[in-house]
């Protein structure tokens, strides 16, 4: 059986927790960052879990996680 390729874009954007959740960063973190308030910029600092409807699709892109 041949090795599966990891999708490099997905590898950079998602990471797995010890419990198996897939975490992602919110979009819009760096675009027009200067004009956003400090409170708004703070909202982009946390990672959030991936929606359960997208988990199957992302797991195909990251076969060895």
PDB file of N, CA and C in Angstrom:
ATOM      1  N   UNK A   1       0.840  -1.184   0.000  1.00  0.00           N
ATOM      2  CA  UNK A   1       0.000   0.000   0.000  1.00  0.00           C
ATOM      3  C   UNK A   1       0.892   1.256   0.000  1.00  0.00           C
ATOM      4  N   UNK A   2       0.687   2.188  -0.938  1.00  0.00           N
ATOM      5  CA  UNK A   2       1.535   3.381  -0.989  1.00  0.00           C
ATOM      6  C   UNK A   2       1.230   4.346   0.164  1.00  0.00           C
ATOM      7  N   UNK A   3       2.227   5.167   0.451  1.00  0.00           N
ATOM      8  CA  UNK A   3       2.048   6.171   1.493  1.00  0.00           C
ATOM      9  C   UNK A   3       1.079   7.240   1.001  1.00  0.00           C
ATOM     10  N   UNK A   4       0.336   7.844   1.935  1.00  0.00           N
ATOM     11  CA  UNK A   4      -0.588   8.924   1.600  1.00  0.00           C
ATOM     12  C   UNK A   4       0.114  10.257   1.792  1.00  0.00           C
ATOM     13  N   UNK A   5      -0.211  11.204   0.948  1.00  0.00           N
ATOM     14  CA  UNK A   5       0.390  12.523   1.057  1.00  0.00           C
ATOM     15  C   UNK A   5      -0.413  13.392   2.016  1.00  0.00           C
ATOM     16  N   UNK A   6       0.286  14.161   2.836  1.00  0.00           N
ATOM     17  CA  UNK A   6      -0.334  15.125   3.729  1.00  0.00           C
ATOM     18  C   UNK A   6      -0.529  16.427   2.966  1.00  0.00           C
ATOM     19  N   UNK A   7      -1.690  17.043   3.108  1.00  0.00           N
ATOM     20  CA  UNK A   7      -1.955  18.334   2.479  1.00  0.00           C
ATOM     21  C   UNK A   7      -1.231  19.410   3.283  1.00  0.00           C
ATOM     22  N   UNK A   8      -0.244  20.058   2.668  1.00  0.00           N
ATOM     23  CA  UNK A   8       0.619  20.982   3.403  1.00  0.00           C
ATOM     24  C   UNK A   8      -0.118  22.218   3.896  1.00  0.00           C
ATOM     25  N   UNK A   9      -1.124  22.688   3.148  1.00  0.00           N
ATOM     26  CA  UNK A   9      -1.896  23.837   3.598  1.00  0.00           C
ATOM     27  C   UNK A   9      -2.710  23.517   4.837  1.00  0.00           C
ATOM     28  N   UNK A  10      -3.284  22.318   4.875  1.00  0.00           N
ATOM     29  CA  UNK A  10      -4.058  21.902   6.045  1.00  0.00           C
ATOM     30  C   UNK A  10      -3.141  21.665   7.238  1.00  0.00           C
ATOM     31  N   UNK A  11      -1.949  21.166   6.982  1.00  0.00           N
ATOM     32  CA  UNK A  11      -0.999  20.908   8.055  1.00  0.00           C
ATOM     33  C   UNK A  11      -0.628  22.205   8.785  1.00  0.00           C
ATOM     34  N   UNK A  12      -0.534  23.309   8.048  1.00  0.00           N
ATOM     35  CA  UNK A  12      -0.181  24.591   8.643  1.00  0.00           C
ATOM     36  C   UNK A  12      -1.351  25.231   9.389  1.00  0.00           C
ATOM     37  N   UNK A  13      -2.577  24.923   8.995  1.00  0.00           N
ATOM     38  CA  UNK A  13      -3.739  25.620   9.533  1.00  0.00           C
ATOM     39  C   UNK A  13      -4.420  24.921  10.705  1.00  0.00           C
ATOM     40  N   UNK A  14      -4.250  23.618  10.828  1.00  0.00           N
ATOM     41  CA  UNK A  14      -4.959  22.863  11.857  1.00  0.00           C
ATOM     42  C   UNK A  14      -3.976  22.107  12.732  1.00  0.00           C
ATOM     43  N   UNK A  15      -4.333  21.957  14.015  1.00  0.00           N
ATOM     44  CA  UNK A  15      -3.536  21.081  14.874  1.00  0.00           C
ATOM     45  C   UNK A  15      -4.459  20.277  15.767  1.00  0.00           C
ATOM     46  N   UNK A  16      -3.946  19.140  16.235  1.00  0.00           N
ATOM     47  CA  UNK A  16      -4.736  18.205  17.017  1.00  0.00           C
ATOM     48  C   UNK A  16      -4.381  18.319  18.486  1.00  0.00           C
ATOM     49  N   UNK A  17      -5.391  18.244  19.352  1.00  0.00           N
ATOM     50  CA  UNK A  17      -5.159  18.235  20.786  1.00  0.00           C
ATOM     51  C   UNK A  17      -4.904  16.798  21.219  1.00  0.00           C
ATOM     52  N   UNK A  18      -4.554  16.622  22.486  1.00  0.00           N
ATOM     53  CA  UNK A  18      -4.322  15.283  23.007  1.00  0.00           C
ATOM     54  C   UNK A  18      -5.577  14.436  23.020  1.00  0.00           C
ATOM     55  N   UNK A  19      -6.731  15.089  23.136  1.00  0.00           N
ATOM     56  CA  UNK A  19      -7.996  14.361  23.151  1.00  0.00           C
ATOM     57  C   UNK A  19      -8.552  14.062  21.776  1.00  0.00           C
ATOM     58  N   UNK A  20      -7.852  14.518  20.723  1.00  0.00           N
ATOM     59  CA  UNK A  20      -8.273  14.214  19.370  1.00  0.00           C
ATOM     60  C   UNK A  20      -9.074  15.306  18.684  1.00  0.00           C
ATOM     61  N   UNK A  21      -9.303  16.440  19.349  1.00  0.00           N
ATOM     62  CA  UNK A  21     -10.018  17.544  18.693  1.00  0.00           C
ATOM     63  C   UNK A  21      -9.102  18.208  17.672  1.00  0.00           C
ATOM     64  N   UNK A  22      -9.714  18.726  16.622  1.00  0.00           N
ATOM     65  CA  UNK A  22      -8.962  19.487  15.625  1.00  0.00           C
ATOM     66  C   UNK A  22      -9.229  20.963  15.908  1.00  0.00           C
ATOM     67  N   UNK A  23      -8.157  21.725  16.130  1.00  0.00           N
ATOM     68  CA  UNK A  23      -8.284  23.141  16.459  1.00  0.00           C
ATOM     69  C   UNK A  23      -7.876  23.985  15.256  1.00  0.00           C
ATOM     70  N   UNK A  24      -8.500  25.164  15.154  1.00  0.00           N
ATOM     71  CA  UNK A  24      -8.191  26.084  14.060  1.00  0.00           C
ATOM     72  C   UNK A  24      -8.107  27.504  14.602  1.00  0.00           C
ATOM     73  N   UNK A  25      -7.506  28.386  13.826  1.00  0.00           N
ATOM     74  CA  UNK A  25      -7.412  29.802  14.167  1.00  0.00           C
ATOM     75  C   UNK A  25      -8.503  30.533  13.408  1.00  0.00           C
ATOM     76  N   UNK A  26      -9.083  31.556  14.006  1.00  0.00           N
ATOM     77  CA  UNK A  26     -10.130  32.328  13.344  1.00  0.00           C
ATOM     78  C   UNK A  26      -9.562  33.072  12.139  1.00  0.00           C
ATOM     79  N   UNK A  27     -10.392  33.238  11.124  1.00  0.00           N
ATOM     80  CA  UNK A  27      -9.957  33.955   9.926  1.00  0.00           C
ATOM     81  C   UNK A  27      -9.939  35.455  10.177  1.00  0.00           C
ATOM     82  N   UNK A  28      -9.159  36.193   9.387  1.00  0.00           N
ATOM     83  CA  UNK A  28      -9.083  37.638   9.510  1.00  0.00           C
ATOM     84  C   UNK A  28      -8.086  38.113  10.536  1.00  0.00           C
ATOM     85  N   UNK A  29      -7.177  37.256  10.965  1.00  0.00           N
ATOM     86  CA  UNK A  29      -6.266  37.607  12.044  1.00  0.00           C
ATOM     87  C   UNK A  29      -5.242  38.666  11.632  1.00  0.00           C
ATOM     88  N   UNK A  30      -4.764  38.635  10.401  1.00  0.00           N
ATOM     89  CA  UNK A  30      -3.688  39.549  10.030  1.00  0.00           C
ATOM     90  C   UNK A  30      -4.119  40.640   9.046  1.00  0.00           C
ATOM     91  N   UNK A  31      -5.244  40.490   8.395  1.00  0.00           N
ATOM     92  CA  UNK A  31      -5.652  41.460   7.380  1.00  0.00           C
ATOM     93  C   UNK A  31      -6.258  42.687   8.030  1.00  0.00           C
ATOM     94  N   UNK A  32      -5.742  43.879   7.721  1.00  0.00           N
ATOM     95  CA  UNK A  32      -6.193  45.156   8.293  1.00  0.00           C
ATOM     96  C   UNK A  32      -6.128  45.153   9.817  1.00  0.00           C
ATOM     97  N   UNK A  33      -5.061  44.587  10.334  1.00  0.00           N
ATOM     98  CA  UNK A  33      -4.928  44.456  11.786  1.00  0.00           C
ATOM     99  C   UNK A  33      -4.744  45.811  12.470  1.00  0.00           C
ATOM    100  N   UNK A  34      -4.143  46.794  11.791  1.00  0.00           N
ATOM    101  CA  UNK A  34      -3.870  48.091  12.426  1.00  0.00           C
ATOM    102  C   UNK A  34      -5.136  48.853  12.785  1.00  0.00           C
ATOM    103  N   UNK A  35      -6.160  48.723  11.989  1.00  0.00           N
ATOM    104  CA  UNK A  35      -7.351  49.539  12.227  1.00  0.00           C
ATOM    105  C   UNK A  35      -8.355  48.890  13.183  1.00  0.00           C
ATOM    106  N   UNK A  36      -8.078  47.687  13.653  1.00  0.00           N
ATOM    107  CA  UNK A  36      -8.980  47.028  14.593  1.00  0.00           C
ATOM    108  C   UNK A  36      -8.646  47.445  16.020  1.00  0.00           C
ATOM    109  N   UNK A  37      -9.661  47.465  16.870  1.00  0.00           N
ATOM    110  CA  UNK A  37      -9.432  47.824  18.260  1.00  0.00           C
ATOM    111  C   UNK A  37      -8.698  46.693  18.980  1.00  0.00           C
ATOM    112  N   UNK A  38      -8.144  47.013  20.150  1.00  0.00           N
ATOM    113  CA  UNK A  38      -7.401  46.011  20.916  1.00  0.00           C
ATOM    114  C   UNK A  38      -8.315  44.878  21.357  1.00  0.00           C
ATOM    115  N   UNK A  39      -9.554  45.200  21.698  1.00  0.00           N
ATOM    116  CA  UNK A  39     -10.504  44.163  22.120  1.00  0.00           C
ATOM    117  C   UNK A  39     -10.823  43.218  20.964  1.00  0.00           C
ATOM    118  N   UNK A  40     -10.972  43.770  19.773  1.00  0.00           N
ATOM    119  CA  UNK A  40     -11.260  42.938  18.608  1.00  0.00           C
ATOM    120  C   UNK A  40     -10.066  42.061  18.264  1.00  0.00           C
ATOM    121  N   UNK A  41      -8.852  42.629  18.350  1.00  0.00           N
ATOM    122  CA  UNK A  41      -7.650  41.854  18.041  1.00  0.00           C
ATOM    123  C   UNK A  41      -7.461  40.716  19.035  1.00  0.00           C
ATOM    124  N   UNK A  42      -7.886  40.910  20.250  1.00  0.00           N
ATOM    125  CA  UNK A  42      -7.774  39.862  21.258  1.00  0.00           C
ATOM    126  C   UNK A  42      -8.642  38.664  20.950  1.00  0.00           C
ATOM    127  N   UNK A  43      -9.727  38.871  20.221  1.00  0.00           N
ATOM    128  CA  UNK A  43     -10.615  37.772  19.866  1.00  0.00           C
ATOM    129  C   UNK A  43      -9.957  36.802  18.884  1.00  0.00           C
ATOM    130  N   UNK A  44      -8.974  37.290  18.125  1.00  0.00           N
ATOM    131  CA  UNK A  44      -8.316  36.451  17.121  1.00  0.00           C
ATOM    132  C   UNK A  44      -7.195  35.601  17.706  1.00  0.00           C
ATOM    133  N   UNK A  45      -6.816  35.821  18.967  1.00  0.00           N
ATOM    134  CA  UNK A  45      -5.664  35.138  19.537  1.00  0.00           C
ATOM    135  C   UNK A  45      -5.947  33.700  19.949  1.00  0.00           C
ATOM    136  N   UNK A  46      -7.197  33.359  20.172  1.00  0.00           N
ATOM    137  CA  UNK A  46      -7.506  32.017  20.643  1.00  0.00           C
ATOM    138  C   UNK A  46      -7.761  31.064  19.476  1.00  0.00           C
ATOM    139  N   UNK A  47      -7.539  29.796  19.718  1.00  0.00           N
ATOM    140  CA  UNK A  47      -7.890  28.777  18.734  1.00  0.00           C
ATOM    141  C   UNK A  47      -9.211  28.152  19.148  1.00  0.00           C
ATOM    142  N   UNK A  48      -9.999  27.781  18.168  1.00  0.00           N
ATOM    143  CA  UNK A  48     -11.319  27.215  18.447  1.00  0.00           C
ATOM    144  C   UNK A  48     -11.422  25.843  17.782  1.00  0.00           C
ATOM    145  N   UNK A  49     -12.260  24.963  18.337  1.00  0.00           N
ATOM    146  CA  UNK A  49     -12.382  23.637  17.719  1.00  0.00           C
ATOM    147  C   UNK A  49     -13.096  23.701  16.382  1.00  0.00           C
ATOM    148  N   UNK A  50     -12.726  22.805  15.521  1.00  0.00           N
ATOM    149  CA  UNK A  50     -13.328  22.702  14.196  1.00  0.00           C
ATOM    150  C   UNK A  50     -14.759  22.199  14.331  1.00  0.00           C
ATOM    151  N   UNK A  51     -15.652  22.702  13.495  1.00  0.00           N
ATOM    152  CA  UNK A  51     -17.043  22.262  13.513  1.00  0.00           C
ATOM    153  C   UNK A  51     -17.120  20.789  13.134  1.00  0.00           C
ATOM    154  N   UNK A  52     -18.029  20.066  13.774  1.00  0.00           N
ATOM    155  CA  UNK A  52     -18.054  18.608  13.577  1.00  0.00           C
ATOM    156  C   UNK A  52     -18.416  18.208  12.151  1.00  0.00           C
ATOM    157  N   UNK A  53     -19.063  19.095  11.386  1.00  0.00           N
ATOM    158  CA  UNK A  53     -19.379  18.779   9.991  1.00  0.00           C
ATOM    159  C   UNK A  53     -18.133  18.783   9.111  1.00  0.00           C
ATOM    160  N   UNK A  54     -17.064  19.461   9.547  1.00  0.00           N
ATOM    161  CA  UNK A  54     -15.851  19.570   8.739  1.00  0.00           C
ATOM    162  C   UNK A  54     -14.762  18.584   9.145  1.00  0.00           C
ATOM    163  N   UNK A  55     -14.949  17.859  10.232  1.00  0.00           N
ATOM    164  CA  UNK A  55     -13.900  16.991  10.755  1.00  0.00           C
ATOM    165  C   UNK A  55     -13.526  15.894   9.757  1.00  0.00           C
ATOM    166  N   UNK A  56     -14.490  15.258   9.145  1.00  0.00           N
ATOM    167  CA  UNK A  56     -14.225  14.159   8.214  1.00  0.00           C
ATOM    168  C   UNK A  56     -13.398  14.642   7.014  1.00  0.00           C
ATOM    169  N   UNK A  57     -13.716  15.824   6.518  1.00  0.00           N
ATOM    170  CA  UNK A  57     -13.023  16.379   5.360  1.00  0.00           C
ATOM    171  C   UNK A  57     -11.560  16.700   5.688  1.00  0.00           C
ATOM    172  N   UNK A  58     -11.323  17.257   6.864  1.00  0.00           N
ATOM    173  CA  UNK A  58      -9.966  17.629   7.245  1.00  0.00           C
ATOM    174  C   UNK A  58      -9.134  16.395   7.588  1.00  0.00           C
ATOM    175  N   UNK A  59      -9.760  15.373   8.176  1.00  0.00           N
ATOM    176  CA  UNK A  59      -9.016  14.154   8.492  1.00  0.00           C
ATOM    177  C   UNK A  59      -8.511  13.446   7.239  1.00  0.00           C
ATOM    178  N   UNK A  60      -9.209  13.600   6.114  1.00  0.00           N
ATOM    179  CA  UNK A  60      -8.723  13.040   4.853  1.00  0.00           C
ATOM    180  C   UNK A  60      -7.461  13.756   4.381  1.00  0.00           C
ATOM    181  N   UNK A  61      -7.377  15.057   4.666  1.00  0.00           N
ATOM    182  CA  UNK A  61      -6.210  15.833   4.248  1.00  0.00           C
ATOM    183  C   UNK A  61      -4.993  15.578   5.137  1.00  0.00           C
ATOM    184  N   UNK A  62      -5.253  15.135   6.375  1.00  0.00           N
ATOM    185  CA  UNK A  62      -4.171  14.878   7.334  1.00  0.00           C
ATOM    186  C   UNK A  62      -4.246  13.416   7.771  1.00  0.00           C
ATOM    187  N   UNK A  63      -3.789  12.496   6.933  1.00  0.00           N
ATOM    188  CA  UNK A  63      -4.019  11.075   7.201  1.00  0.00           C
ATOM    189  C   UNK A  63      -3.242  10.503   8.384  1.00  0.00           C
ATOM    190  N   UNK A  64      -2.121  11.100   8.783  1.00  0.00           N
ATOM    191  CA  UNK A  64      -1.287  10.499   9.821  1.00  0.00           C
ATOM    192  C   UNK A  64      -1.409  11.187  11.170  1.00  0.00           C
ATOM    193  N   UNK A  65      -2.522  11.839  11.427  1.00  0.00           N
ATOM    194  CA  UNK A  65      -2.739  12.498  12.736  1.00  0.00           C
ATOM    195  C   UNK A  65      -3.808  11.800  13.510  1.00  0.00           C
TER     196      UNK A  65
END
